[in-house]
């Protein structure tokens, strides 16, 4: 069984943030979000409300909150990088959003990890999303009128061997090993006259 790669955890604001300040910050940084998406992102990611409390505060059910968070986080990630999308990648983005809030089921975790082992696009999505999230958190904490951009953030890459590599990479390595073994066997047969 392949080990689960290490993942960066998103930053959290250092102190308590008022919901109105968080919403104003998100609306300023991501003006294309609709109100539900901006409120969901500001309450969960910046204020630190658990999903159940945020859903109750917004007067929506938890699946609607999860959908709003996933869409808001996709828009947030797009502030750093555009990525192509496919059917399973869209589902993986929702699972990644759920994982950020600790709401991913064991079955969802297994499905997401299996997808990430063969989809570099979604691995990139997760890394860029956390990077964009951290920038959002740090820009909220920056003193008003500081004039400069927030400090550059370092994205922590997985340290485990092979983490995030596409399946084709493993197939090529396997073929190379088989060719080397075959060449060694042929060499031994030629030398021994067999």
C-alpha atoms as a PDB file:
ATOM      1  CA  UNK A   1       0.000   0.000   0.000  1.00  0.00           C
ATOM      2  CA  UNK A   2       1.347   3.413  -0.956  1.00  0.00           C
ATOM      3  CA  UNK A   3       1.677   5.889   1.943  1.00  0.00           C
ATOM      4  CA  UNK A   4      -0.474   8.988   1.955  1.00  0.00           C
ATOM      5  CA  UNK A   5       1.582  12.035   0.914  1.00  0.00           C
ATOM      6  CA  UNK A   6       2.197  14.802   3.420  1.00  0.00           C
ATOM      7  CA  UNK A   7       0.003  17.807   2.780  1.00  0.00           C
ATOM      8  CA  UNK A   8       0.255  21.433   3.735  1.00  0.00           C
ATOM      9  CA  UNK A   9      -2.294  22.689   6.204  1.00  0.00           C
ATOM     10  CA  UNK A  10      -3.937  25.996   5.391  1.00  0.00           C
ATOM     11  CA  UNK A  11      -3.009  28.985   7.541  1.00  0.00           C
ATOM     12  CA  UNK A  12      -5.438  30.369  10.079  1.00  0.00           C
ATOM     13  CA  UNK A  13      -5.657  33.996  11.221  1.00  0.00           C
ATOM     14  CA  UNK A  14      -3.594  34.705  14.326  1.00  0.00           C
ATOM     15  CA  UNK A  15      -6.403  36.318  16.328  1.00  0.00           C
ATOM     16  CA  UNK A  16     -10.146  36.490  16.246  1.00  0.00           C
ATOM     17  CA  UNK A  17     -11.686  38.094  13.174  1.00  0.00           C
ATOM     18  CA  UNK A  18     -15.084  39.752  13.119  1.00  0.00           C
ATOM     19  CA  UNK A  19     -17.405  38.225  10.504  1.00  0.00           C
ATOM     20  CA  UNK A  20     -18.072  41.641   8.929  1.00  0.00           C
ATOM     21  CA  UNK A  21     -14.329  42.311   8.511  1.00  0.00           C
ATOM     22  CA  UNK A  22     -13.761  38.848   7.048  1.00  0.00           C
ATOM     23  CA  UNK A  23     -16.639  39.246   4.590  1.00  0.00           C
ATOM     24  CA  UNK A  24     -15.421  42.702   3.508  1.00  0.00           C
ATOM     25  CA  UNK A  25     -11.924  41.309   2.960  1.00  0.00           C
ATOM     26  CA  UNK A  26     -13.145  38.355   0.890  1.00  0.00           C
ATOM     27  CA  UNK A  27     -15.488  40.594  -1.130  1.00  0.00           C
ATOM     28  CA  UNK A  28     -12.593  42.974  -1.811  1.00  0.00           C
ATOM     29  CA  UNK A  29     -10.154  40.206  -2.814  1.00  0.00           C
ATOM     30  CA  UNK A  30     -12.677  38.099  -4.784  1.00  0.00           C
ATOM     31  CA  UNK A  31     -15.343  40.477  -6.138  1.00  0.00           C
ATOM     32  CA  UNK A  32     -16.731  37.893  -8.594  1.00  0.00           C
ATOM     33  CA  UNK A  33     -18.018  35.646  -5.784  1.00  0.00           C
ATOM     34  CA  UNK A  34     -21.723  35.747  -5.072  1.00  0.00           C
ATOM     35  CA  UNK A  35     -22.754  36.700  -1.534  1.00  0.00           C
ATOM     36  CA  UNK A  36     -23.315  33.109  -0.364  1.00  0.00           C
ATOM     37  CA  UNK A  37     -19.868  32.022  -1.560  1.00  0.00           C
ATOM     38  CA  UNK A  38     -18.136  35.057  -0.026  1.00  0.00           C
ATOM     39  CA  UNK A  39     -19.966  34.631   3.289  1.00  0.00           C
ATOM     40  CA  UNK A  40     -19.234  30.895   3.422  1.00  0.00           C
ATOM     41  CA  UNK A  41     -15.525  31.398   2.700  1.00  0.00           C
ATOM     42  CA  UNK A  42     -15.173  34.274   5.147  1.00  0.00           C
ATOM     43  CA  UNK A  43     -16.959  32.463   7.994  1.00  0.00           C
ATOM     44  CA  UNK A  44     -15.195  29.107   7.608  1.00  0.00           C
ATOM     45  CA  UNK A  45     -11.729  30.053   6.350  1.00  0.00           C
ATOM     46  CA  UNK A  46     -11.146  33.365   8.120  1.00  0.00           C
ATOM     47  CA  UNK A  47     -13.477  33.531  11.128  1.00  0.00           C
ATOM     48  CA  UNK A  48     -12.953  29.830  11.852  1.00  0.00           C
ATOM     49  CA  UNK A  49     -16.551  28.728  12.242  1.00  0.00           C
ATOM     50  CA  UNK A  50     -17.213  24.984  11.987  1.00  0.00           C
ATOM     51  CA  UNK A  51     -19.290  24.142   8.925  1.00  0.00           C
ATOM     52  CA  UNK A  52     -22.422  23.304  10.929  1.00  0.00           C
ATOM     53  CA  UNK A  53     -22.316  26.661  12.739  1.00  0.00           C
ATOM     54  CA  UNK A  54     -21.617  28.577   9.524  1.00  0.00           C
ATOM     55  CA  UNK A  55     -24.519  26.864   7.749  1.00  0.00           C
ATOM     56  CA  UNK A  56     -26.863  27.723  10.619  1.00  0.00           C
ATOM     57  CA  UNK A  57     -25.625  31.323  10.704  1.00  0.00           C
ATOM     58  CA  UNK A  58     -26.184  31.676   6.946  1.00  0.00           C
ATOM     59  CA  UNK A  59     -29.562  29.906   7.069  1.00  0.00           C
ATOM     60  CA  UNK A  60     -28.572  27.191   4.580  1.00  0.00           C
ATOM     61  CA  UNK A  61     -28.067  23.439   4.874  1.00  0.00           C
ATOM     62  CA  UNK A  62     -24.593  21.891   5.076  1.00  0.00           C
ATOM     63  CA  UNK A  63     -24.577  20.523   1.481  1.00  0.00           C
ATOM     64  CA  UNK A  64     -25.343  24.044   0.184  1.00  0.00           C
ATOM     65  CA  UNK A  65     -22.551  25.425   2.371  1.00  0.00           C
ATOM     66  CA  UNK A  66     -20.135  22.741   1.075  1.00  0.00           C
ATOM     67  CA  UNK A  67     -21.040  23.664  -2.506  1.00  0.00           C
ATOM     68  CA  UNK A  68     -20.566  27.396  -1.839  1.00  0.00           C
ATOM     69  CA  UNK A  69     -17.173  26.721  -0.202  1.00  0.00           C
ATOM     70  CA  UNK A  70     -16.002  24.534  -3.067  1.00  0.00           C
ATOM     71  CA  UNK A  71     -16.949  27.170  -5.654  1.00  0.00           C
ATOM     72  CA  UNK A  72     -15.382  29.980  -3.614  1.00  0.00           C
ATOM     73  CA  UNK A  73     -12.176  28.017  -3.148  1.00  0.00           C
ATOM     74  CA  UNK A  74     -11.981  27.269  -6.861  1.00  0.00           C
ATOM     75  CA  UNK A  75     -12.247  31.018  -7.552  1.00  0.00           C
ATOM     76  CA  UNK A  76      -9.602  31.633  -4.885  1.00  0.00           C
ATOM     77  CA  UNK A  77      -7.215  29.124  -6.473  1.00  0.00           C
ATOM     78  CA  UNK A  78      -7.806  30.706  -9.880  1.00  0.00           C
ATOM     79  CA  UNK A  79      -6.272  33.917  -8.545  1.00  0.00           C
ATOM     80  CA  UNK A  80      -2.958  32.048  -8.828  1.00  0.00           C
ATOM     81  CA  UNK A  81      -3.405  29.649 -11.724  1.00  0.00           C
ATOM     82  CA  UNK A  82      -5.992  28.526 -14.271  1.00  0.00           C
ATOM     83  CA  UNK A  83      -6.254  24.768 -14.657  1.00  0.00           C
ATOM     84  CA  UNK A  84      -8.213  22.648 -17.148  1.00  0.00           C
ATOM     85  CA  UNK A  85     -11.083  20.677 -15.685  1.00  0.00           C
ATOM     86  CA  UNK A  86     -12.758  17.354 -16.250  1.00  0.00           C
ATOM     87  CA  UNK A  87     -15.648  15.499 -14.648  1.00  0.00           C
ATOM     88  CA  UNK A  88     -13.675  13.657 -12.004  1.00  0.00           C
ATOM     89  CA  UNK A  89     -11.471  16.684 -11.364  1.00  0.00           C
ATOM     90  CA  UNK A  90     -14.563  18.734 -10.529  1.00  0.00           C
ATOM     91  CA  UNK A  91     -15.599  16.109  -7.946  1.00  0.00           C
ATOM     92  CA  UNK A  92     -12.049  15.996  -6.592  1.00  0.00           C
ATOM     93  CA  UNK A  93     -12.111  19.774  -6.047  1.00  0.00           C
ATOM     94  CA  UNK A  94     -15.197  19.349  -3.845  1.00  0.00           C
ATOM     95  CA  UNK A  95     -13.476  16.562  -1.887  1.00  0.00           C
ATOM     96  CA  UNK A  96     -10.359  18.717  -1.448  1.00  0.00           C
ATOM     97  CA  UNK A  97     -12.531  21.525  -0.088  1.00  0.00           C
ATOM     98  CA  UNK A  98     -14.193  19.078   2.321  1.00  0.00           C
ATOM     99  CA  UNK A  99     -10.777  17.839   3.457  1.00  0.00           C
ATOM    100  CA  UNK A 100      -9.597  21.387   4.236  1.00  0.00           C
ATOM    101  CA  UNK A 101     -12.403  21.668   6.782  1.00  0.00           C
ATOM    102  CA  UNK A 102     -11.994  18.161   8.197  1.00  0.00           C
ATOM    103  CA  UNK A 103     -15.347  17.125   6.720  1.00  0.00           C
ATOM    104  CA  UNK A 104     -14.153  14.416   4.320  1.00  0.00           C
ATOM    105  CA  UNK A 105     -15.513  10.924   4.959  1.00  0.00           C
ATOM    106  CA  UNK A 106     -13.209   7.888   4.983  1.00  0.00           C
ATOM    107  CA  UNK A 107     -14.695   6.762   1.656  1.00  0.00           C
ATOM    108  CA  UNK A 108     -14.185  10.221   0.176  1.00  0.00           C
ATOM    109  CA  UNK A 109     -10.602  10.277   1.460  1.00  0.00           C
ATOM    110  CA  UNK A 110      -9.859   6.954  -0.257  1.00  0.00           C
ATOM    111  CA  UNK A 111     -11.424   8.116  -3.538  1.00  0.00           C
ATOM    112  CA  UNK A 112      -9.584  11.426  -3.439  1.00  0.00           C
ATOM    113  CA  UNK A 113      -6.216   9.843  -2.643  1.00  0.00           C
ATOM    114  CA  UNK A 114      -6.663   7.351  -5.496  1.00  0.00           C
ATOM    115  CA  UNK A 115      -7.465  10.212  -7.881  1.00  0.00           C
ATOM    116  CA  UNK A 116      -4.524  12.324  -6.696  1.00  0.00           C
ATOM    117  CA  UNK A 117      -2.098   9.460  -7.326  1.00  0.00           C
ATOM    118  CA  UNK A 118      -2.880   9.670 -11.042  1.00  0.00           C
ATOM    119  CA  UNK A 119      -3.868  13.316 -11.578  1.00  0.00           C
ATOM    120  CA  UNK A 120      -1.127  15.924 -11.441  1.00  0.00           C
ATOM    121  CA  UNK A 121      -3.733  18.586 -12.270  1.00  0.00           C
ATOM    122  CA  UNK A 122      -5.618  17.991  -9.006  1.00  0.00           C
ATOM    123  CA  UNK A 123      -2.397  17.757  -6.980  1.00  0.00           C
ATOM    124  CA  UNK A 124      -1.537  21.185  -8.402  1.00  0.00           C
ATOM    125  CA  UNK A 125      -5.055  22.417  -7.598  1.00  0.00           C
ATOM    126  CA  UNK A 126      -4.671  21.390  -3.950  1.00  0.00           C
ATOM    127  CA  UNK A 127      -1.223  23.002  -3.615  1.00  0.00           C
ATOM    128  CA  UNK A 128      -2.287  26.244  -5.287  1.00  0.00           C
ATOM    129  CA  UNK A 129      -5.511  26.370  -3.289  1.00  0.00           C
ATOM    130  CA  UNK A 130      -3.605  26.188  -0.011  1.00  0.00           C
ATOM    131  CA  UNK A 131      -1.134  28.781  -1.289  1.00  0.00           C
ATOM    132  CA  UNK A 132      -3.985  31.129  -2.284  1.00  0.00           C
ATOM    133  CA  UNK A 133      -5.746  30.469   1.024  1.00  0.00           C
ATOM    134  CA  UNK A 134      -2.593  31.316   2.961  1.00  0.00           C
ATOM    135  CA  UNK A 135      -2.168  34.526   0.966  1.00  0.00           C
ATOM    136  CA  UNK A 136      -5.778  35.475   1.765  1.00  0.00           C
ATOM    137  CA  UNK A 137      -5.198  34.868   5.481  1.00  0.00           C
ATOM    138  CA  UNK A 138      -1.888  36.755   5.539  1.00  0.00           C
ATOM    139  CA  UNK A 139      -3.285  39.676   3.568  1.00  0.00           C
ATOM    140  CA  UNK A 140      -6.070  39.997   6.145  1.00  0.00           C
ATOM    141  CA  UNK A 141      -3.478  40.262   8.890  1.00  0.00           C
ATOM    142  CA  UNK A 142      -1.357  42.842   6.995  1.00  0.00           C
ATOM    143  CA  UNK A 143      -1.597  46.317   8.485  1.00  0.00           C
ATOM    144  CA  UNK A 144      -3.872  48.627   6.530  1.00  0.00           C
ATOM    145  CA  UNK A 145      -1.984  50.956   4.220  1.00  0.00           C
ATOM    146  CA  UNK A 146       1.230  48.933   4.377  1.00  0.00           C
ATOM    147  CA  UNK A 147       1.492  49.570   0.660  1.00  0.00           C
ATOM    148  CA  UNK A 148       3.382  46.437  -0.242  1.00  0.00           C
ATOM    149  CA  UNK A 149       2.173  43.031  -1.230  1.00  0.00           C
ATOM    150  CA  UNK A 150       2.001  40.328   1.421  1.00  0.00           C
ATOM    151  CA  UNK A 151       5.212  38.369   1.926  1.00  0.00           C
ATOM    152  CA  UNK A 152       5.833  35.506  -0.475  1.00  0.00           C
ATOM    153  CA  UNK A 153       4.624  32.192   0.883  1.00  0.00           C
ATOM    154  CA  UNK A 154       6.463  28.938   0.572  1.00  0.00           C
ATOM    155  CA  UNK A 155       4.405  25.985  -0.579  1.00  0.00           C
ATOM    156  CA  UNK A 156       5.500  22.857   1.244  1.00  0.00           C
ATOM    157  CA  UNK A 157       5.969  20.064  -1.265  1.00  0.00           C
ATOM    158  CA  UNK A 158       5.367  16.437  -0.290  1.00  0.00           C
ATOM    159  CA  UNK A 159       8.571  14.765   0.914  1.00  0.00           C
ATOM    160  CA  UNK A 160       7.604  11.166   0.229  1.00  0.00           C
ATOM    161  CA  UNK A 161       9.104   9.454  -2.790  1.00  0.00           C
ATOM    162  CA  UNK A 162       6.713   9.534  -5.716  1.00  0.00           C
ATOM    163  CA  UNK A 163       4.056  11.699  -4.100  1.00  0.00           C
ATOM    164  CA  UNK A 164       1.908  13.349  -6.732  1.00  0.00           C
ATOM    165  CA  UNK A 165       3.491  11.567  -9.710  1.00  0.00           C
ATOM    166  CA  UNK A 166       1.180  10.429 -12.477  1.00  0.00           C
ATOM    167  CA  UNK A 167       0.561   6.724 -13.010  1.00  0.00           C
ATOM    168  CA  UNK A 168       2.386   6.846 -16.384  1.00  0.00           C
ATOM    169  CA  UNK A 169       5.616   7.642 -14.523  1.00  0.00           C
ATOM    170  CA  UNK A 170       5.352   4.414 -12.536  1.00  0.00           C
ATOM    171  CA  UNK A 171       4.584   2.415 -15.701  1.00  0.00           C
ATOM    172  CA  UNK A 172       7.682   3.821 -17.428  1.00  0.00           C
ATOM    173  CA  UNK A 173       9.901   3.038 -14.448  1.00  0.00           C
ATOM    174  CA  UNK A 174       8.493  -0.510 -14.342  1.00  0.00           C
ATOM    175  CA  UNK A 175       9.192  -1.000 -18.042  1.00  0.00           C
ATOM    176  CA  UNK A 176      12.722   0.302 -17.615  1.00  0.00           C
ATOM    177  CA  UNK A 177      13.368  -2.136 -14.769  1.00  0.00           C
ATOM    178  CA  UNK A 178      12.004  -5.032 -16.849  1.00  0.00           C
ATOM    179  CA  UNK A 179      14.237  -4.058 -19.798  1.00  0.00           C
ATOM    180  CA  UNK A 180      17.293  -3.913 -17.549  1.00  0.00           C
ATOM    181  CA  UNK A 181      16.520  -7.344 -16.101  1.00  0.00           C
ATOM    182  CA  UNK A 182      15.975  -8.781 -19.611  1.00  0.00           C
ATOM    183  CA  UNK A 183      19.275  -7.297 -20.795  1.00  0.00           C
ATOM    184  CA  UNK A 184      21.077  -8.829 -17.814  1.00  0.00           C
ATOM    185  CA  UNK A 185      19.530 -12.260 -18.484  1.00  0.00           C
ATOM    186  CA  UNK A 186      20.479 -12.074 -22.170  1.00  0.00           C
ATOM    187  CA  UNK A 187      24.002 -11.027 -21.212  1.00  0.00           C
ATOM    188  CA  UNK A 188      24.353 -13.993 -18.848  1.00  0.00           C
ATOM    189  CA  UNK A 189      23.034 -16.376 -21.530  1.00  0.00           C
ATOM    190  CA  UNK A 190      25.487 -15.033 -24.117  1.00  0.00           C
ATOM    191  CA  UNK A 191      28.409 -15.322 -21.711  1.00  0.00           C
ATOM    192  CA  UNK A 192      27.539 -18.867 -20.601  1.00  0.00           C
ATOM    193  CA  UNK A 193      26.735 -19.992 -24.142  1.00  0.00           C
ATOM    194  CA  UNK A 194      23.235 -21.025 -23.140  1.00  0.00           C
END
